[in-house]
Amino acid sequence: MLYSLTDLLSWPVQTGDQTGTLSDVLFDPATRHLTHLALHTRADKDGSALAAASRLEMPDPENRRLTVAISDEELARAPHWRGDAQELDALLTAMPPLVIGPFGATHAPLALGGFLGTRADGTETDPRAEAVIDRHQRFSRWRDRAVFTRDAEIGTLRDMLYDPEANRIDYLVVDDGKFFGGKKYALPFSALAHRAPGAKGGHLVLDLAEHDLVAAPSPEDLLEPARA
């Protein structure tokens, strides 16, 4: 079953003895896996804690609730940030080297704090650090980007559809923006060919043609539970 990331951001989240929300999710565009959760609880009045996405349990659609398997003590020790992009970049490049991956494997993608250099304007120069940041994109900064096919602008990214069993984002939800007879299309994330950089998020280009939209499913069809 697929879930709307926009919907999941509105669900209450149980963490240890606390209840909170997801303020954002981070994902790797290359693998389409969620990498981190930005958890906002009562203890974080002005910010969020970053937890590995591997701690997210299966969603509870009946009660519209999420559970993250993290204790209050672990949550208190987790990296915290207040929503600033540069602050998040610094956290990602300086976190401890051993990270639990989405399927329990350990790897060291974030141990790059010692490699960072800066330009005069304060931006990072080391390609290894930039690669780390690129692998941990914020869903909120992709939402509302313009989306193009090879031959036309087709609308705006409004959502992503997530498969929690595979820890994988399968579809991009594009709204054509038409006031009358407007439609939303679920287009495969694997069709992403290019994403333009930009401080506030650049446009996306899909390796599709405009006529491919005719056969694209609606997101509502994919979010419906499988029928017998």
C-alpha atoms as a PDB file:
ATOM      1  CA  MET A   1       0.000   0.000   0.000  1.00  0.00           C
ATOM      2  CA  LEU A   2       1.223   3.469  -0.871  1.00  0.00           C
ATOM      3  CA  TYR A   3       0.959   6.517   1.370  1.00  0.00           C
ATOM      4  CA  SER A   4       0.942  10.213   0.612  1.00  0.00           C
ATOM      5  CA  LEU A   5       3.931  11.917   2.245  1.00  0.00           C
ATOM      6  CA  THR A   6       1.814  15.043   2.634  1.00  0.00           C
ATOM      7  CA  ASP A   7      -0.737  13.012   4.599  1.00  0.00           C
ATOM      8  CA  LEU A   8       1.936  11.394   6.767  1.00  0.00           C
ATOM      9  CA  LEU A   9       3.240  14.825   7.747  1.00  0.00           C
ATOM     10  CA  SER A  10      -0.179  15.566   9.250  1.00  0.00           C
ATOM     11  CA  TRP A  11      -0.444  12.376  11.338  1.00  0.00           C
ATOM     12  CA  PRO A  12       0.462  12.275  15.041  1.00  0.00           C
ATOM     13  CA  VAL A  13       3.696  10.440  15.782  1.00  0.00           C
ATOM     14  CA  GLN A  14       4.347   8.374  18.896  1.00  0.00           C
ATOM     15  CA  THR A  15       7.975   8.445  20.080  1.00  0.00           C
ATOM     16  CA  GLY A  16       8.691   6.802  23.421  1.00  0.00           C
ATOM     17  CA  ASP A  17       6.401   8.534  25.911  1.00  0.00           C
ATOM     18  CA  GLN A  18       5.858  11.575  23.704  1.00  0.00           C
ATOM     19  CA  THR A  19       3.497  12.452  20.888  1.00  0.00           C
ATOM     20  CA  GLY A  20       4.658  14.718  18.115  1.00  0.00           C
ATOM     21  CA  THR A  21       4.560  15.259  14.361  1.00  0.00           C
ATOM     22  CA  LEU A  22       6.863  15.003  11.380  1.00  0.00           C
ATOM     23  CA  SER A  23       7.986  18.471  10.356  1.00  0.00           C
ATOM     24  CA  ASP A  24       9.739  17.043   7.286  1.00  0.00           C
ATOM     25  CA  VAL A  25      11.313  13.905   5.825  1.00  0.00           C
ATOM     26  CA  LEU A  26      14.674  13.542   4.106  1.00  0.00           C
ATOM     27  CA  PHE A  27      15.240  11.191   1.180  1.00  0.00           C
ATOM     28  CA  ASP A  28      17.947  10.068  -1.237  1.00  0.00           C
ATOM     29  CA  PRO A  29      16.847  10.847  -4.820  1.00  0.00           C
ATOM     30  CA  ALA A  30      19.176   8.173  -6.240  1.00  0.00           C
ATOM     31  CA  THR A  31      17.765   5.270  -4.216  1.00  0.00           C
ATOM     32  CA  ARG A  32      14.353   6.876  -3.461  1.00  0.00           C
ATOM     33  CA  HIS A  33      14.740   5.744   0.162  1.00  0.00           C
ATOM     34  CA  LEU A  34      13.778   7.868   3.150  1.00  0.00           C
ATOM     35  CA  THR A  35      16.949   8.570   5.137  1.00  0.00           C
ATOM     36  CA  HIS A  36      15.853  10.716   8.089  1.00  0.00           C
ATOM     37  CA  LEU A  37      12.769  11.964   9.890  1.00  0.00           C
ATOM     38  CA  ALA A  38      12.500  15.474  11.323  1.00  0.00           C
ATOM     39  CA  LEU A  39      10.533  14.892  14.534  1.00  0.00           C
ATOM     40  CA  HIS A  40       8.860  17.773  16.333  1.00  0.00           C
ATOM     41  CA  THR A  41       7.702  17.068  19.895  1.00  0.00           C
ATOM     42  CA  ARG A  42       6.638  19.181  22.873  1.00  0.00           C
ATOM     43  CA  ALA A  43      10.230  19.041  24.073  1.00  0.00           C
ATOM     44  CA  ASP A  44      11.366  20.807  20.872  1.00  0.00           C
ATOM     45  CA  LYS A  45       9.401  24.042  20.945  1.00  0.00           C
ATOM     46  CA  ASP A  46      11.470  25.733  18.240  1.00  0.00           C
ATOM     47  CA  GLY A  47      12.969  22.852  16.297  1.00  0.00           C
ATOM     48  CA  SER A  48      13.065  19.183  15.355  1.00  0.00           C
ATOM     49  CA  ALA A  49      15.207  16.154  16.097  1.00  0.00           C
ATOM     50  CA  LEU A  50      16.664  14.094  13.267  1.00  0.00           C
ATOM     51  CA  ALA A  51      16.070  10.349  13.564  1.00  0.00           C
ATOM     52  CA  ALA A  52      17.060   7.596  11.145  1.00  0.00           C
ATOM     53  CA  ALA A  53      14.163   6.600   8.901  1.00  0.00           C
ATOM     54  CA  SER A  54      14.889   2.977   9.809  1.00  0.00           C
ATOM     55  CA  ARG A  55      13.169   3.713  13.144  1.00  0.00           C
ATOM     56  CA  LEU A  56       9.820   4.345  11.427  1.00  0.00           C
ATOM     57  CA  GLU A  57       7.388   1.483  11.948  1.00  0.00           C
ATOM     58  CA  MET A  58       4.608   0.566   9.524  1.00  0.00           C
ATOM     59  CA  PRO A  59       1.924   3.279   9.380  1.00  0.00           C
ATOM     60  CA  ASP A  60      -1.409   2.696  11.077  1.00  0.00           C
ATOM     61  CA  PRO A  61      -3.932   3.888   8.447  1.00  0.00           C
ATOM     62  CA  GLU A  62      -6.997   3.012  10.532  1.00  0.00           C
ATOM     63  CA  ASN A  63      -5.989   5.412  13.306  1.00  0.00           C
ATOM     64  CA  ARG A  64      -3.901   7.671  11.050  1.00  0.00           C
ATOM     65  CA  ARG A  65      -0.934   7.385  13.365  1.00  0.00           C
ATOM     66  CA  LEU A  66       2.801   6.810  13.034  1.00  0.00           C
ATOM     67  CA  THR A  67       5.205   5.212  15.502  1.00  0.00           C
ATOM     68  CA  VAL A  68       8.946   5.840  15.604  1.00  0.00           C
ATOM     69  CA  ALA A  69      10.912   3.303  17.647  1.00  0.00           C
ATOM     70  CA  ILE A  70      13.097   5.742  19.516  1.00  0.00           C
ATOM     71  CA  SER A  71      13.313   6.283  23.262  1.00  0.00           C
ATOM     72  CA  ASP A  72      13.018   9.674  24.920  1.00  0.00           C
ATOM     73  CA  GLU A  73      16.700   9.447  25.875  1.00  0.00           C
ATOM     74  CA  GLU A  74      17.748   8.735  22.274  1.00  0.00           C
ATOM     75  CA  LEU A  75      15.534  11.538  21.050  1.00  0.00           C
ATOM     76  CA  ALA A  76      17.160  13.961  23.462  1.00  0.00           C
ATOM     77  CA  ARG A  77      20.624  12.957  22.189  1.00  0.00           C
ATOM     78  CA  ALA A  78      19.668  13.124  18.502  1.00  0.00           C
ATOM     79  CA  PRO A  79      20.876  16.036  16.322  1.00  0.00           C
ATOM     80  CA  HIS A  80      18.480  18.975  16.477  1.00  0.00           C
ATOM     81  CA  TRP A  81      17.831  21.795  14.024  1.00  0.00           C
ATOM     82  CA  ARG A  82      15.450  24.749  13.713  1.00  0.00           C
ATOM     83  CA  GLY A  83      14.580  24.559  10.022  1.00  0.00           C
ATOM     84  CA  ASP A  84      17.483  26.565   8.612  1.00  0.00           C
ATOM     85  CA  ALA A  85      18.923  24.915   5.469  1.00  0.00           C
ATOM     86  CA  GLN A  86      22.555  25.778   6.270  1.00  0.00           C
ATOM     87  CA  GLU A  87      22.163  24.444   9.793  1.00  0.00           C
ATOM     88  CA  LEU A  88      20.807  21.164   8.398  1.00  0.00           C
ATOM     89  CA  ASP A  89      23.672  20.900   5.905  1.00  0.00           C
ATOM     90  CA  ALA A  90      26.145  21.319   8.744  1.00  0.00           C
ATOM     91  CA  LEU A  91      24.400  18.610  10.767  1.00  0.00           C
ATOM     92  CA  LEU A  92      24.408  16.156   7.873  1.00  0.00           C
ATOM     93  CA  THR A  93      28.119  16.567   7.220  1.00  0.00           C
ATOM     94  CA  ALA A  94      29.103  16.335  10.877  1.00  0.00           C
ATOM     95  CA  MET A  95      26.948  13.507  12.236  1.00  0.00           C
ATOM     96  CA  PRO A  96      28.671  10.413  13.664  1.00  0.00           C
ATOM     97  CA  PRO A  97      30.172   8.112  11.015  1.00  0.00           C
ATOM     98  CA  LEU A  98      28.204   4.978  11.880  1.00  0.00           C
ATOM     99  CA  VAL A  99      24.589   5.227  10.803  1.00  0.00           C
ATOM    100  CA  ILE A 100      21.915   2.551  10.802  1.00  0.00           C
ATOM    101  CA  GLY A 101      20.620   2.252   7.253  1.00  0.00           C
ATOM    102  CA  PRO A 102      17.001   1.726   6.253  1.00  0.00           C
ATOM    103  CA  PHE A 103      17.382  -2.065   6.282  1.00  0.00           C
ATOM    104  CA  GLY A 104      19.623  -2.404   9.333  1.00  0.00           C
ATOM    105  CA  ALA A 105      22.935  -2.224   7.466  1.00  0.00           C
ATOM    106  CA  THR A 106      25.605   0.150   8.764  1.00  0.00           C
ATOM    107  CA  HIS A 107      27.460   2.573   6.557  1.00  0.00           C
ATOM    108  CA  ALA A 108      29.367   5.843   6.854  1.00  0.00           C
ATOM    109  CA  PRO A 109      27.877   8.373   4.430  1.00  0.00           C
ATOM    110  CA  LEU A 110      27.949  11.347   6.791  1.00  0.00           C
ATOM    111  CA  ALA A 111      31.478  11.249   8.198  1.00  0.00           C
ATOM    112  CA  LEU A 112      32.678  14.218   6.174  1.00  0.00           C
ATOM    113  CA  GLY A 113      32.919  17.029   8.686  1.00  0.00           C
ATOM    114  CA  GLY A 114      36.699  17.034   8.449  1.00  0.00           C
ATOM    115  CA  PHE A 115      36.668  17.455   4.666  1.00  0.00           C
ATOM    116  CA  LEU A 116      34.603  20.633   4.505  1.00  0.00           C
ATOM    117  CA  GLY A 117      36.059  23.729   2.946  1.00  0.00           C
ATOM    118  CA  THR A 118      34.272  27.008   2.300  1.00  0.00           C
ATOM    119  CA  ARG A 119      34.160  29.633  -0.396  1.00  0.00           C
ATOM    120  CA  ALA A 120      34.176  33.334   0.375  1.00  0.00           C
ATOM    121  CA  ASP A 121      30.377  33.324   0.472  1.00  0.00           C
ATOM    122  CA  GLY A 122      30.390  30.519   3.053  1.00  0.00           C
ATOM    123  CA  THR A 123      29.245  27.682   0.747  1.00  0.00           C
ATOM    124  CA  GLU A 124      30.980  24.297   0.803  1.00  0.00           C
ATOM    125  CA  THR A 125      33.591  23.477  -1.809  1.00  0.00           C
ATOM    126  CA  ASP A 126      34.450  19.852  -1.109  1.00  0.00           C
ATOM    127  CA  PRO A 127      32.575  17.607  -3.570  1.00  0.00           C
ATOM    128  CA  ARG A 128      32.355  14.796  -1.014  1.00  0.00           C
ATOM    129  CA  ALA A 129      30.485  17.040   1.395  1.00  0.00           C
ATOM    130  CA  GLU A 130      28.256  18.333  -1.384  1.00  0.00           C
ATOM    131  CA  ALA A 131      27.489  14.741  -2.406  1.00  0.00           C
ATOM    132  CA  VAL A 132      26.395  13.938   1.151  1.00  0.00           C
ATOM    133  CA  ILE A 133      24.051  16.924   1.229  1.00  0.00           C
ATOM    134  CA  ASP A 134      22.690  15.980  -2.192  1.00  0.00           C
ATOM    135  CA  ARG A 135      21.790  12.501  -0.918  1.00  0.00           C
ATOM    136  CA  HIS A 136      19.606  13.907   1.857  1.00  0.00           C
ATOM    137  CA  GLN A 137      16.959  16.060   0.215  1.00  0.00           C
ATOM    138  CA  ARG A 138      14.038  17.615   2.098  1.00  0.00           C
ATOM    139  CA  PHE A 139      10.574  16.727   0.852  1.00  0.00           C
ATOM    140  CA  SER A 140       9.323  20.217   1.731  1.00  0.00           C
ATOM    141  CA  ARG A 141      11.852  21.798  -0.648  1.00  0.00           C
ATOM    142  CA  TRP A 142      10.754  19.624  -3.574  1.00  0.00           C
ATOM    143  CA  ARG A 143       7.058  20.244  -3.099  1.00  0.00           C
ATOM    144  CA  ASP A 144       5.676  23.022  -5.334  1.00  0.00           C
ATOM    145  CA  ARG A 145       8.517  22.773  -7.862  1.00  0.00           C
ATOM    146  CA  ALA A 146       7.596  23.174 -11.534  1.00  0.00           C
ATOM    147  CA  VAL A 147       7.646  19.884 -13.447  1.00  0.00           C
ATOM    148  CA  PHE A 148       8.517  19.442 -17.130  1.00  0.00           C
ATOM    149  CA  THR A 149       8.464  16.529 -19.533  1.00  0.00           C
ATOM    150  CA  ARG A 150      10.823  16.438 -22.513  1.00  0.00           C
ATOM    151  CA  ASP A 151       8.439  18.614 -24.520  1.00  0.00           C
ATOM    152  CA  ALA A 152       6.280  20.666 -22.148  1.00  0.00           C
ATOM    153  CA  GLU A 153       5.710  22.112 -18.698  1.00  0.00           C
ATOM    154  CA  ILE A 154       3.024  19.897 -17.163  1.00  0.00           C
ATOM    155  CA  GLY A 155       2.377  21.351 -13.722  1.00  0.00           C
ATOM    156  CA  THR A 156       3.635  21.478 -10.149  1.00  0.00           C
ATOM    157  CA  LEU A 157       4.843  18.768  -7.797  1.00  0.00           C
ATOM    158  CA  ARG A 158       2.283  18.462  -4.994  1.00  0.00           C
ATOM    159  CA  ASP A 159       3.122  15.182  -3.292  1.00  0.00           C
ATOM    160  CA  MET A 160       5.073  11.925  -3.337  1.00  0.00           C
ATOM    161  CA  LEU A 161       3.706   8.413  -2.830  1.00  0.00           C
ATOM    162  CA  TYR A 162       5.692   6.268  -0.423  1.00  0.00           C
ATOM    163  CA  ASP A 163       5.906   2.479  -0.039  1.00  0.00           C
ATOM    164  CA  PRO A 164       6.860   1.840   3.625  1.00  0.00           C
ATOM    165  CA  GLU A 165       7.489  -1.883   3.123  1.00  0.00           C
ATOM    166  CA  ALA A 166      10.236  -1.139   0.607  1.00  0.00           C
ATOM    167  CA  ASN A 167      11.172   2.225   2.169  1.00  0.00           C
ATOM    168  CA  ARG A 168      10.886   3.713  -1.297  1.00  0.00           C
ATOM    169  CA  ILE A 169       9.216   6.693  -2.922  1.00  0.00           C
ATOM    170  CA  ASP A 170       7.500   5.301  -6.015  1.00  0.00           C
ATOM    171  CA  TYR A 171       5.565   8.206  -7.528  1.00  0.00           C
ATOM    172  CA  LEU A 172       5.623  11.963  -7.950  1.00  0.00           C
ATOM    173  CA  VAL A 173       2.192  13.591  -7.830  1.00  0.00           C
ATOM    174  CA  VAL A 174       1.917  16.417 -10.352  1.00  0.00           C
ATOM    175  CA  ASP A 175      -0.991  18.895 -10.417  1.00  0.00           C
ATOM    176  CA  ASP A 176      -1.622  20.379 -13.866  1.00  0.00           C
ATOM    177  CA  GLY A 177      -2.876  23.605 -12.237  1.00  0.00           C
ATOM    178  CA  LYS A 178      -5.959  23.996 -14.397  1.00  0.00           C
ATOM    179  CA  PHE A 179      -8.809  25.800 -12.641  1.00  0.00           C
ATOM    180  CA  PHE A 180     -11.531  23.901 -14.541  1.00  0.00           C
ATOM    181  CA  GLY A 181     -11.069  20.195 -15.210  1.00  0.00           C
ATOM    182  CA  GLY A 182      -7.733  20.106 -13.459  1.00  0.00           C
ATOM    183  CA  LYS A 183      -6.047  16.757 -12.871  1.00  0.00           C
ATOM    184  CA  LYS A 184      -3.365  15.216 -10.736  1.00  0.00           C
ATOM    185  CA  TYR A 185      -1.077  12.581 -12.190  1.00  0.00           C
ATOM    186  CA  ALA A 186       1.007   9.948 -10.418  1.00  0.00           C
ATOM    187  CA  LEU A 187       4.220   9.709 -12.426  1.00  0.00           C
ATOM    188  CA  PRO A 188       7.052   7.263 -11.655  1.00  0.00           C
ATOM    189  CA  PHE A 189       9.885   8.767  -9.631  1.00  0.00           C
ATOM    190  CA  SER A 190      12.224   6.584 -11.710  1.00  0.00           C
ATOM    191  CA  ALA A 191      11.405   8.835 -14.704  1.00  0.00           C
ATOM    192  CA  LEU A 192      13.199  11.779 -13.067  1.00  0.00           C
ATOM    193  CA  ALA A 193      15.918  12.881 -15.476  1.00  0.00           C
ATOM    194  CA  HIS A 194      17.061  16.219 -14.053  1.00  0.00           C
ATOM    195  CA  ARG A 195      16.461  18.539 -11.141  1.00  0.00           C
ATOM    196  CA  ALA A 196      17.660  22.096 -11.342  1.00  0.00           C
ATOM    197  CA  PRO A 197      19.462  23.538  -8.329  1.00  0.00           C
ATOM    198  CA  GLY A 198      18.033  26.464  -6.458  1.00  0.00           C
ATOM    199  CA  ALA A 199      18.019  27.870  -2.957  1.00  0.00           C
ATOM    200  CA  LYS A 200      14.248  27.510  -2.853  1.00  0.00           C
ATOM    201  CA  GLY A 201      14.097  24.442  -5.090  1.00  0.00           C
ATOM    202  CA  GLY A 202      14.483  24.361  -8.866  1.00  0.00           C
ATOM    203  CA  HIS A 203      12.364  22.653 -11.501  1.00  0.00           C
ATOM    204  CA  LEU A 204      12.172  18.939 -12.263  1.00  0.00           C
ATOM    205  CA  VAL A 205      12.448  17.307 -15.690  1.00  0.00           C
ATOM    206  CA  LEU A 206      10.981  13.853 -16.352  1.00  0.00           C
ATOM    207  CA  ASP A 207      12.087  11.519 -19.117  1.00  0.00           C
ATOM    208  CA  LEU A 208       8.526  11.356 -20.424  1.00  0.00           C
ATOM    209  CA  ALA A 209       6.539  13.033 -23.178  1.00  0.00           C
ATOM    210  CA  GLU A 210       3.413  15.080 -22.552  1.00  0.00           C
ATOM    211  CA  HIS A 211       1.265  12.439 -24.259  1.00  0.00           C
ATOM    212  CA  ASP A 212       2.407   9.890 -21.633  1.00  0.00           C
ATOM    213  CA  LEU A 213       0.106  11.643 -19.153  1.00  0.00           C
ATOM    214  CA  VAL A 214      -2.912  10.098 -20.878  1.00  0.00           C
ATOM    215  CA  ALA A 215      -2.048   6.684 -19.430  1.00  0.00           C
ATOM    216  CA  ALA A 216      -0.849   7.947 -16.030  1.00  0.00           C
ATOM    217  CA  PRO A 217      -2.905   6.824 -13.008  1.00  0.00           C
ATOM    218  CA  SER A 218      -4.440   9.271 -10.575  1.00  0.00           C
ATOM    219  CA  PRO A 219      -2.911   9.280  -7.080  1.00  0.00           C
ATOM    220  CA  GLU A 220      -6.283   8.369  -5.568  1.00  0.00           C
ATOM    221  CA  ASP A 221      -6.306   5.095  -7.503  1.00  0.00           C
ATOM    222  CA  LEU A 222      -2.895   4.130  -6.133  1.00  0.00           C
ATOM    223  CA  LEU A 223      -3.728   5.107  -2.552  1.00  0.00           C
ATOM    224  CA  GLU A 224      -6.837   2.930  -2.434  1.00  0.00           C
ATOM    225  CA  PRO A 225      -6.356  -0.379  -0.588  1.00  0.00           C
ATOM    226  CA  ALA A 226      -6.047  -3.343  -2.907  1.00  0.00           C
ATOM    227  CA  ARG A 227      -9.469  -4.759  -3.742  1.00  0.00           C
ATOM    228  CA  ALA A 228     -10.148  -8.476  -3.584  1.00  0.00           C
END
